[in-house]
């Protein structure tokens, strides 16, 4: 039986676009930081009492969006996978397989997260 963790993060998913360089450093949109903090808090709750994944993992992200406004799947998943760094797994470079879905759900937007170990037990 493989090790796995799953949880749902309620809220409107915010895509993480390319890092913007500005004079004196970089800039990340505050909405992106807030969404990553929300995902990180849910991940911390789900991981309470569990060990971080240290080997290879697969991830499944199911995004439930409030409208049909264009949001690229890769930018949505980047924000979530970065938020899981240091909580669910050491670094998102451990992800060797990903499954990402988007659906419209006006009443309960958010993201369902599933992370599974891909290492032999």
Protein backbone atom coordinates (compact mmCIF):
# COMPACT_ATOMS: atom_id res chain seq x y z
CA UNK A 1 0.00 0.00 0.00
CA UNK A 2 1.47 3.34 -1.00
CA UNK A 3 1.65 6.36 1.23
CA UNK A 4 -0.70 9.18 0.25
CA UNK A 5 -2.29 12.37 1.53
CA UNK A 6 -5.34 14.22 0.25
CA UNK A 7 -7.21 17.37 1.21
CA UNK A 8 -9.45 20.10 -0.18
CA UNK A 9 -8.55 23.80 -0.09
CA UNK A 10 -11.60 26.06 -0.38
CA UNK A 11 -11.21 29.36 -2.19
CA UNK A 12 -10.55 30.84 -5.59
CA UNK A 13 -7.35 29.38 -7.04
CA UNK A 14 -4.84 32.01 -8.14
CA UNK A 15 -2.37 31.20 -10.93
CA UNK A 16 1.33 31.84 -10.34
CA UNK A 17 2.82 33.40 -13.39
CA UNK A 18 6.48 33.95 -14.16
CA UNK A 19 8.53 35.70 -11.51
CA UNK A 20 8.81 39.39 -12.34
CA UNK A 21 12.11 41.12 -11.86
CA UNK A 22 11.86 44.70 -10.68
CA UNK A 23 14.43 47.25 -9.58
CA UNK A 24 15.99 46.02 -6.36
CA UNK A 25 14.60 42.48 -6.46
CA UNK A 26 11.60 40.46 -7.57
CA UNK A 27 7.86 40.80 -7.28
CA UNK A 28 5.17 38.26 -6.51
CA UNK A 29 1.56 39.40 -6.58
CA UNK A 30 0.12 39.58 -3.02
CA UNK A 31 -2.94 37.56 -4.18
CA UNK A 32 -0.60 34.74 -5.18
CA UNK A 33 1.13 34.85 -1.78
CA UNK A 34 -2.25 34.80 0.00
CA UNK A 35 -3.44 31.77 -2.01
CA UNK A 36 -0.17 29.93 -1.38
CA UNK A 37 -0.52 30.66 2.35
CA UNK A 38 -4.07 29.26 2.28
CA UNK A 39 -2.89 26.09 0.52
CA UNK A 40 0.05 25.77 2.95
CA UNK A 41 -2.25 26.04 5.99
CA UNK A 42 -4.52 23.28 4.62
CA UNK A 43 -1.46 21.14 3.85
CA UNK A 44 -0.14 21.61 7.39
CA UNK A 45 -3.48 20.46 8.82
CA UNK A 46 -3.56 17.41 6.54
CA UNK A 47 0.05 16.49 7.40
CA UNK A 48 -0.38 16.82 11.17
CA UNK A 49 1.43 13.86 12.73
CA UNK A 50 2.63 12.53 9.36
CA UNK A 51 6.12 12.42 7.91
CA UNK A 52 7.01 14.51 4.90
CA UNK A 53 7.42 12.65 1.60
CA UNK A 54 11.17 12.28 0.97
CA UNK A 55 11.15 10.30 -2.28
CA UNK A 56 9.43 10.59 -5.63
CA UNK A 57 5.73 11.50 -5.66
CA UNK A 58 2.81 11.90 -8.03
CA UNK A 59 0.31 14.71 -7.61
CA UNK A 60 -3.29 15.18 -8.64
CA UNK A 61 -4.83 18.63 -8.55
CA UNK A 62 -8.53 19.12 -9.31
CA UNK A 63 -9.33 22.80 -9.61
CA UNK A 64 -12.92 23.92 -9.14
CA UNK A 65 -13.14 27.40 -10.62
CA UNK A 66 -15.98 29.90 -10.08
CA UNK A 67 -16.25 30.92 -13.75
CA UNK A 68 -14.96 30.25 -17.26
CA UNK A 69 -12.37 33.00 -17.08
CA UNK A 70 -9.15 31.76 -18.63
CA UNK A 71 -6.62 30.37 -16.17
CA UNK A 72 -3.78 28.20 -17.45
CA UNK A 73 -3.52 24.80 -15.78
CA UNK A 74 0.26 25.00 -15.47
CA UNK A 75 0.17 28.34 -13.64
CA UNK A 76 -2.58 27.08 -11.31
CA UNK A 77 -0.60 23.94 -10.50
CA UNK A 78 2.68 25.84 -10.04
CA UNK A 79 1.16 27.90 -7.25
CA UNK A 80 -0.15 24.83 -5.42
CA UNK A 81 2.96 22.68 -5.89
CA UNK A 82 5.18 25.50 -4.60
CA UNK A 83 2.92 25.91 -1.55
CA UNK A 84 3.47 22.23 -0.66
CA UNK A 85 7.27 22.63 -0.55
CA UNK A 86 8.64 21.93 2.89
CA UNK A 87 5.27 20.69 4.16
CA UNK A 88 4.11 17.69 2.12
CA UNK A 89 7.40 17.09 0.32
CA UNK A 90 10.84 18.59 0.61
CA UNK A 91 10.74 20.15 -2.86
CA UNK A 92 8.45 19.97 -5.87
CA UNK A 93 11.37 18.56 -7.88
CA UNK A 94 10.31 15.23 -6.30
CA UNK A 95 7.15 15.26 -8.47
CA UNK A 96 7.59 12.78 -11.31
CA UNK A 97 3.96 12.58 -12.45
CA UNK A 98 1.07 15.04 -12.35
CA UNK A 99 -2.60 14.92 -13.24
CA UNK A 100 -4.37 18.29 -13.41
CA UNK A 101 -8.06 18.93 -14.04
CA UNK A 102 -10.18 22.07 -14.18
CA UNK A 103 -13.95 22.29 -13.76
CA UNK A 104 -16.47 25.07 -13.18
CA UNK A 105 -17.99 24.99 -9.69
CA UNK A 106 -19.61 28.29 -8.75
CA UNK A 107 -20.79 27.19 -5.30
CA UNK A 108 -17.63 25.57 -3.92
CA UNK A 109 -14.45 26.78 -5.67
CA UNK A 110 -11.13 25.40 -4.52
CA UNK A 111 -8.62 22.68 -5.23
CA UNK A 112 -8.55 19.01 -4.29
CA UNK A 113 -4.97 17.83 -3.71
CA UNK A 114 -3.74 14.23 -3.75
CA UNK A 115 -0.07 13.36 -3.28
CA UNK A 116 1.10 9.74 -3.50
CA UNK A 117 4.49 8.18 -2.90
CA UNK A 118 6.04 6.63 -6.01
CA UNK A 119 8.88 4.92 -4.15
CA UNK A 120 8.89 1.16 -3.59
CA UNK A 121 7.86 0.35 -0.05
